[in-house]
Amino acid sequence: MPAIHVVNRAGQKHTIQGKSGQTLMEILRDHNMDVEAICGGCCSCATCHVFVDDAWVAKLPKRSDDEQELVEETEAYKAANSRLSCQIKVTDPLDGLSLTVAPEE
């Protein structure tokens, strides 16, 4: 079970466990990490926006065009780090992934 290091919106650090095959959004939501996931993971709302730590950005698949468009429209957009957690499948190589939950829009 991959460990995920999360800084929530209050600035508190947590380490949570996820199952390979789940989306990052599902894991964050199930652990009450300030991710609303209003669209349920359909890549249509950006309420699961996170900032992936620099060391992990290149280890993730590139953003799809839809994901890129949604994160660019957020007020907190960071070109290198903004991701929708619903678009990231957790796998064993992502053990230790670090991220910060983006501010609420």
N, C-alpha and C. Protein backbone atom coordinates (compact mmCIF):
# COMPACT_ATOMS: atom_id res chain seq x y z
N MET A 1 0.84 -1.19 0.00
CA MET A 1 0.00 0.00 0.00
C MET A 1 0.89 1.25 0.00
N PRO A 2 0.83 2.01 -1.05
CA PRO A 2 1.65 3.21 -1.14
C PRO A 2 1.29 4.24 -0.06
N ALA A 3 2.31 4.86 0.49
CA ALA A 3 2.12 5.95 1.45
C ALA A 3 2.09 7.26 0.66
N ILE A 4 1.21 8.16 1.09
CA ILE A 4 1.08 9.46 0.47
C ILE A 4 1.20 10.51 1.56
N HIS A 5 2.11 11.45 1.35
CA HIS A 5 2.33 12.53 2.32
C HIS A 5 1.52 13.74 1.86
N VAL A 6 0.63 14.20 2.72
CA VAL A 6 -0.33 15.23 2.36
C VAL A 6 -0.25 16.40 3.34
N VAL A 7 -0.24 17.61 2.79
CA VAL A 7 -0.43 18.81 3.59
C VAL A 7 -1.84 19.28 3.28
N ASN A 8 -2.71 19.32 4.30
CA ASN A 8 -4.09 19.73 4.05
C ASN A 8 -4.21 21.25 4.01
N ARG A 9 -5.40 21.76 3.84
CA ARG A 9 -5.59 23.20 3.72
C ARG A 9 -5.26 23.97 4.99
N ALA A 10 -5.27 23.30 6.11
CA ALA A 10 -4.91 23.93 7.38
C ALA A 10 -3.40 23.92 7.61
N GLY A 11 -2.65 23.34 6.67
CA GLY A 11 -1.20 23.28 6.81
C GLY A 11 -0.70 22.11 7.63
N GLN A 12 -1.61 21.19 7.99
CA GLN A 12 -1.23 20.02 8.77
C GLN A 12 -0.70 18.93 7.86
N LYS A 13 0.37 18.27 8.31
CA LYS A 13 0.98 17.19 7.53
C LYS A 13 0.42 15.85 7.99
N HIS A 14 0.09 15.01 7.01
CA HIS A 14 -0.43 13.68 7.27
C HIS A 14 0.25 12.69 6.34
N THR A 15 0.37 11.46 6.80
CA THR A 15 0.77 10.36 5.93
C THR A 15 -0.37 9.38 5.92
N ILE A 16 -0.90 9.12 4.73
CA ILE A 16 -2.04 8.22 4.59
C ILE A 16 -1.64 7.07 3.67
N GLN A 17 -2.40 6.00 3.72
CA GLN A 17 -2.13 4.83 2.89
C GLN A 17 -3.21 4.71 1.82
N GLY A 18 -2.79 4.32 0.64
CA GLY A 18 -3.73 4.09 -0.45
C GLY A 18 -3.51 2.73 -1.06
N LYS A 19 -4.50 2.26 -1.77
CA LYS A 19 -4.38 0.99 -2.48
C LYS A 19 -4.01 1.27 -3.93
N SER A 20 -3.09 0.49 -4.46
CA SER A 20 -2.76 0.61 -5.87
C SER A 20 -4.02 0.38 -6.70
N GLY A 21 -4.18 1.21 -7.72
CA GLY A 21 -5.36 1.11 -8.57
C GLY A 21 -6.41 2.16 -8.27
N GLN A 22 -6.41 2.68 -7.05
CA GLN A 22 -7.34 3.75 -6.72
C GLN A 22 -6.82 5.05 -7.32
N THR A 23 -7.71 6.02 -7.49
CA THR A 23 -7.23 7.34 -7.86
C THR A 23 -6.79 8.06 -6.60
N LEU A 24 -5.91 9.00 -6.78
CA LEU A 24 -5.46 9.81 -5.67
C LEU A 24 -6.64 10.53 -5.03
N MET A 25 -7.58 10.98 -5.84
CA MET A 25 -8.77 11.65 -5.32
C MET A 25 -9.55 10.76 -4.37
N GLU A 26 -9.74 9.50 -4.72
CA GLU A 26 -10.48 8.57 -3.87
C GLU A 26 -9.79 8.42 -2.51
N ILE A 27 -8.49 8.31 -2.54
CA ILE A 27 -7.73 8.13 -1.30
C ILE A 27 -7.82 9.39 -0.44
N LEU A 28 -7.63 10.55 -1.04
CA LEU A 28 -7.71 11.81 -0.30
C LEU A 28 -9.10 12.02 0.27
N ARG A 29 -10.12 11.76 -0.52
CA ARG A 29 -11.51 11.91 -0.06
C ARG A 29 -11.82 10.96 1.09
N ASP A 30 -11.40 9.70 0.94
CA ASP A 30 -11.70 8.70 1.97
C ASP A 30 -10.98 8.98 3.29
N HIS A 31 -9.89 9.76 3.24
CA HIS A 31 -9.14 10.12 4.45
C HIS A 31 -9.46 11.55 4.91
N ASN A 32 -10.53 12.14 4.37
CA ASN A 32 -10.98 13.47 4.77
C ASN A 32 -9.88 14.53 4.66
N MET A 33 -9.23 14.57 3.51
CA MET A 33 -8.13 15.49 3.28
C MET A 33 -8.55 16.73 2.49
N ASP A 34 -9.74 17.25 2.74
CA ASP A 34 -10.21 18.52 2.16
C ASP A 34 -10.46 18.48 0.65
N VAL A 35 -10.68 17.30 0.10
CA VAL A 35 -10.96 17.17 -1.33
C VAL A 35 -12.45 16.90 -1.50
N GLU A 36 -13.16 17.85 -2.15
CA GLU A 36 -14.60 17.69 -2.31
C GLU A 36 -14.96 16.67 -3.38
N ALA A 37 -14.28 16.70 -4.50
CA ALA A 37 -14.54 15.74 -5.60
C ALA A 37 -16.00 15.76 -6.01
N ILE A 38 -16.52 16.93 -6.27
CA ILE A 38 -17.93 17.10 -6.59
C ILE A 38 -18.37 16.28 -7.80
N CYS A 39 -17.52 16.19 -8.82
CA CYS A 39 -17.91 15.46 -10.04
C CYS A 39 -17.66 13.96 -9.92
N GLY A 40 -17.12 13.52 -8.80
CA GLY A 40 -16.89 12.10 -8.58
C GLY A 40 -15.72 11.52 -9.36
N GLY A 41 -14.88 12.39 -9.88
CA GLY A 41 -13.70 11.90 -10.59
C GLY A 41 -13.82 11.91 -12.10
N CYS A 42 -14.74 12.70 -12.63
CA CYS A 42 -14.99 12.74 -14.07
C CYS A 42 -14.17 13.80 -14.80
N CYS A 43 -13.26 14.45 -14.11
CA CYS A 43 -12.42 15.50 -14.71
C CYS A 43 -13.29 16.63 -15.26
N SER A 44 -14.22 17.11 -14.40
CA SER A 44 -15.07 18.20 -14.88
C SER A 44 -15.32 19.30 -13.85
N CYS A 45 -14.59 19.29 -12.71
CA CYS A 45 -14.91 20.33 -11.72
C CYS A 45 -13.71 20.97 -11.03
N ALA A 46 -12.57 20.33 -10.95
CA ALA A 46 -11.36 20.85 -10.31
C ALA A 46 -11.46 20.99 -8.79
N THR A 47 -12.44 20.35 -8.15
CA THR A 47 -12.52 20.41 -6.68
C THR A 47 -11.62 19.38 -6.01
N CYS A 48 -10.80 18.71 -6.80
CA CYS A 48 -9.80 17.78 -6.25
C CYS A 48 -8.39 18.24 -6.60
N HIS A 49 -8.25 19.54 -6.82
CA HIS A 49 -6.99 20.18 -7.22
C HIS A 49 -5.95 20.03 -6.11
N VAL A 50 -4.77 19.58 -6.50
CA VAL A 50 -3.64 19.45 -5.57
C VAL A 50 -2.38 20.01 -6.23
N PHE A 51 -1.38 20.30 -5.39
CA PHE A 51 -0.06 20.69 -5.86
C PHE A 51 0.89 19.54 -5.56
N VAL A 52 1.39 18.91 -6.58
CA VAL A 52 2.34 17.80 -6.42
C VAL A 52 3.71 18.40 -6.16
N ASP A 53 4.42 17.87 -5.16
CA ASP A 53 5.77 18.37 -4.86
C ASP A 53 6.68 18.21 -6.07
N ASP A 54 7.60 19.16 -6.20
CA ASP A 54 8.51 19.20 -7.35
C ASP A 54 9.19 17.86 -7.63
N ALA A 55 9.60 17.16 -6.60
CA ALA A 55 10.34 15.91 -6.78
C ALA A 55 9.50 14.82 -7.44
N TRP A 56 8.18 14.98 -7.45
CA TRP A 56 7.28 13.95 -7.98
C TRP A 56 6.65 14.30 -9.32
N VAL A 57 6.74 15.54 -9.73
CA VAL A 57 6.05 15.98 -10.94
C VAL A 57 6.42 15.13 -12.15
N ALA A 58 7.69 14.90 -12.38
CA ALA A 58 8.13 14.15 -13.56
C ALA A 58 7.81 12.67 -13.49
N LYS A 59 7.45 12.18 -12.32
CA LYS A 59 7.14 10.75 -12.14
C LYS A 59 5.69 10.43 -12.45
N LEU A 60 4.90 11.45 -12.70
CA LEU A 60 3.48 11.27 -12.99
C LEU A 60 3.23 11.37 -14.49
N PRO A 61 2.15 10.74 -14.96
CA PRO A 61 1.79 10.91 -16.38
C PRO A 61 1.47 12.38 -16.65
N LYS A 62 1.66 12.81 -17.86
CA LYS A 62 1.34 14.19 -18.23
C LYS A 62 -0.16 14.43 -18.13
N ARG A 63 -0.51 15.69 -17.95
CA ARG A 63 -1.92 16.07 -17.90
C ARG A 63 -2.58 15.88 -19.27
N SER A 64 -3.83 15.45 -19.24
CA SER A 64 -4.62 15.42 -20.48
C SER A 64 -5.01 16.87 -20.81
N ASP A 65 -5.51 17.09 -22.01
CA ASP A 65 -5.95 18.44 -22.39
C ASP A 65 -7.07 18.93 -21.48
N ASP A 66 -8.00 18.03 -21.13
CA ASP A 66 -9.12 18.41 -20.25
C ASP A 66 -8.62 18.81 -18.87
N GLU A 67 -7.70 18.03 -18.32
CA GLU A 67 -7.15 18.36 -17.01
C GLU A 67 -6.41 19.69 -17.07
N GLN A 68 -5.61 19.88 -18.10
CA GLN A 68 -4.86 21.13 -18.25
C GLN A 68 -5.79 22.33 -18.27
N GLU A 69 -6.86 22.23 -19.04
CA GLU A 69 -7.81 23.34 -19.13
C GLU A 69 -8.43 23.65 -17.77
N LEU A 70 -8.81 22.63 -17.04
CA LEU A 70 -9.45 22.85 -15.73
C LEU A 70 -8.49 23.46 -14.72
N VAL A 71 -7.28 22.96 -14.61
CA VAL A 71 -6.37 23.52 -13.61
C VAL A 71 -5.94 24.93 -13.97
N GLU A 72 -5.82 25.22 -15.26
CA GLU A 72 -5.46 26.58 -15.68
C GLU A 72 -6.52 27.60 -15.29
N GLU A 73 -7.76 27.17 -15.17
CA GLU A 73 -8.86 28.08 -14.83
C GLU A 73 -8.97 28.35 -13.33
N THR A 74 -8.21 27.64 -12.51
CA THR A 74 -8.29 27.87 -11.06
C THR A 74 -7.46 29.09 -10.68
N GLU A 75 -7.86 29.75 -9.60
CA GLU A 75 -7.14 30.92 -9.12
C GLU A 75 -5.76 30.56 -8.58
N ALA A 76 -5.60 29.35 -8.08
CA ALA A 76 -4.35 28.93 -7.45
C ALA A 76 -3.42 28.16 -8.39
N TYR A 77 -3.69 28.18 -9.67
CA TYR A 77 -2.93 27.40 -10.65
C TYR A 77 -1.43 27.61 -10.53
N LYS A 78 -0.70 26.50 -10.49
CA LYS A 78 0.76 26.51 -10.54
C LYS A 78 1.15 25.65 -11.74
N ALA A 79 1.77 26.25 -12.71
CA ALA A 79 2.05 25.59 -13.99
C ALA A 79 2.71 24.23 -13.84
N ALA A 80 3.70 24.11 -12.99
CA ALA A 80 4.43 22.85 -12.87
C ALA A 80 3.76 21.85 -11.93
N ASN A 81 3.01 22.33 -10.95
CA ASN A 81 2.57 21.46 -9.85
C ASN A 81 1.09 21.15 -9.78
N SER A 82 0.25 21.92 -10.45
CA SER A 82 -1.19 21.73 -10.35
C SER A 82 -1.63 20.46 -11.06
N ARG A 83 -2.37 19.63 -10.33
CA ARG A 83 -2.95 18.41 -10.89
C ARG A 83 -4.33 18.21 -10.32
N LEU A 84 -5.15 17.48 -11.06
CA LEU A 84 -6.43 17.02 -10.53
C LEU A 84 -6.18 15.62 -9.99
N SER A 85 -6.43 15.44 -8.72
CA SER A 85 -6.12 14.15 -8.10
C SER A 85 -6.97 13.01 -8.66
N CYS A 86 -8.08 13.33 -9.30
CA CYS A 86 -8.91 12.28 -9.91
C CYS A 86 -8.25 11.68 -11.15
N GLN A 87 -7.25 12.35 -11.68
CA GLN A 87 -6.60 11.90 -12.90
C GLN A 87 -5.29 11.14 -12.64
N ILE A 88 -4.99 10.90 -11.38
CA ILE A 88 -3.75 10.20 -11.03
C ILE A 88 -4.08 8.86 -10.40
N LYS A 89 -3.75 7.79 -11.10
CA LYS A 89 -3.90 6.43 -10.55
C LYS A 89 -2.71 6.15 -9.65
N VAL A 90 -2.98 5.69 -8.46
CA VAL A 90 -1.91 5.37 -7.51
C VAL A 90 -1.37 3.98 -7.83
N THR A 91 -0.07 3.91 -7.91
CA THR A 91 0.63 2.64 -8.16
C THR A 91 1.76 2.51 -7.14
N ASP A 92 2.30 1.31 -7.01
CA ASP A 92 3.38 1.10 -6.04
C ASP A 92 4.57 2.03 -6.24
N PRO A 93 4.97 2.36 -7.48
CA PRO A 93 6.08 3.30 -7.64
C PRO A 93 5.81 4.71 -7.10
N LEU A 94 4.55 5.02 -6.80
CA LEU A 94 4.23 6.33 -6.24
C LEU A 94 4.29 6.34 -4.71
N ASP A 95 4.79 5.26 -4.12
CA ASP A 95 4.97 5.20 -2.67
C ASP A 95 5.84 6.37 -2.22
N GLY A 96 5.32 7.19 -1.31
CA GLY A 96 6.06 8.36 -0.82
C GLY A 96 5.67 9.65 -1.50
N LEU A 97 4.71 9.61 -2.44
CA LEU A 97 4.25 10.81 -3.14
C LEU A 97 3.90 11.90 -2.13
N SER A 98 4.35 13.10 -2.42
CA SER A 98 4.07 14.25 -1.54
C SER A 98 3.28 15.30 -2.30
N LEU A 99 2.29 15.87 -1.62
CA LEU A 99 1.44 16.88 -2.26
C LEU A 99 0.81 17.78 -1.21
N THR A 100 0.27 18.86 -1.71
CA THR A 100 -0.48 19.82 -0.88
C THR A 100 -1.84 20.01 -1.52
N VAL A 101 -2.89 19.97 -0.72
CA VAL A 101 -4.24 20.21 -1.24
C VAL A 101 -4.36 21.70 -1.55
N ALA A 102 -4.82 22.01 -2.75
CA ALA A 102 -4.95 23.41 -3.19
C ALA A 102 -6.04 24.12 -2.40
N PRO A 103 -5.94 25.44 -2.31
CA PRO A 103 -6.99 26.19 -1.60
C PRO A 103 -8.36 26.00 -2.25
N GLU A 104 -9.38 26.13 -1.44
CA GLU A 104 -10.74 26.03 -1.96
C GLU A 104 -11.03 27.22 -2.86
N GLU A 105 -11.71 26.97 -3.96
CA GLU A 105 -12.03 28.04 -4.91
C GLU A 105 -13.37 28.64 -4.57
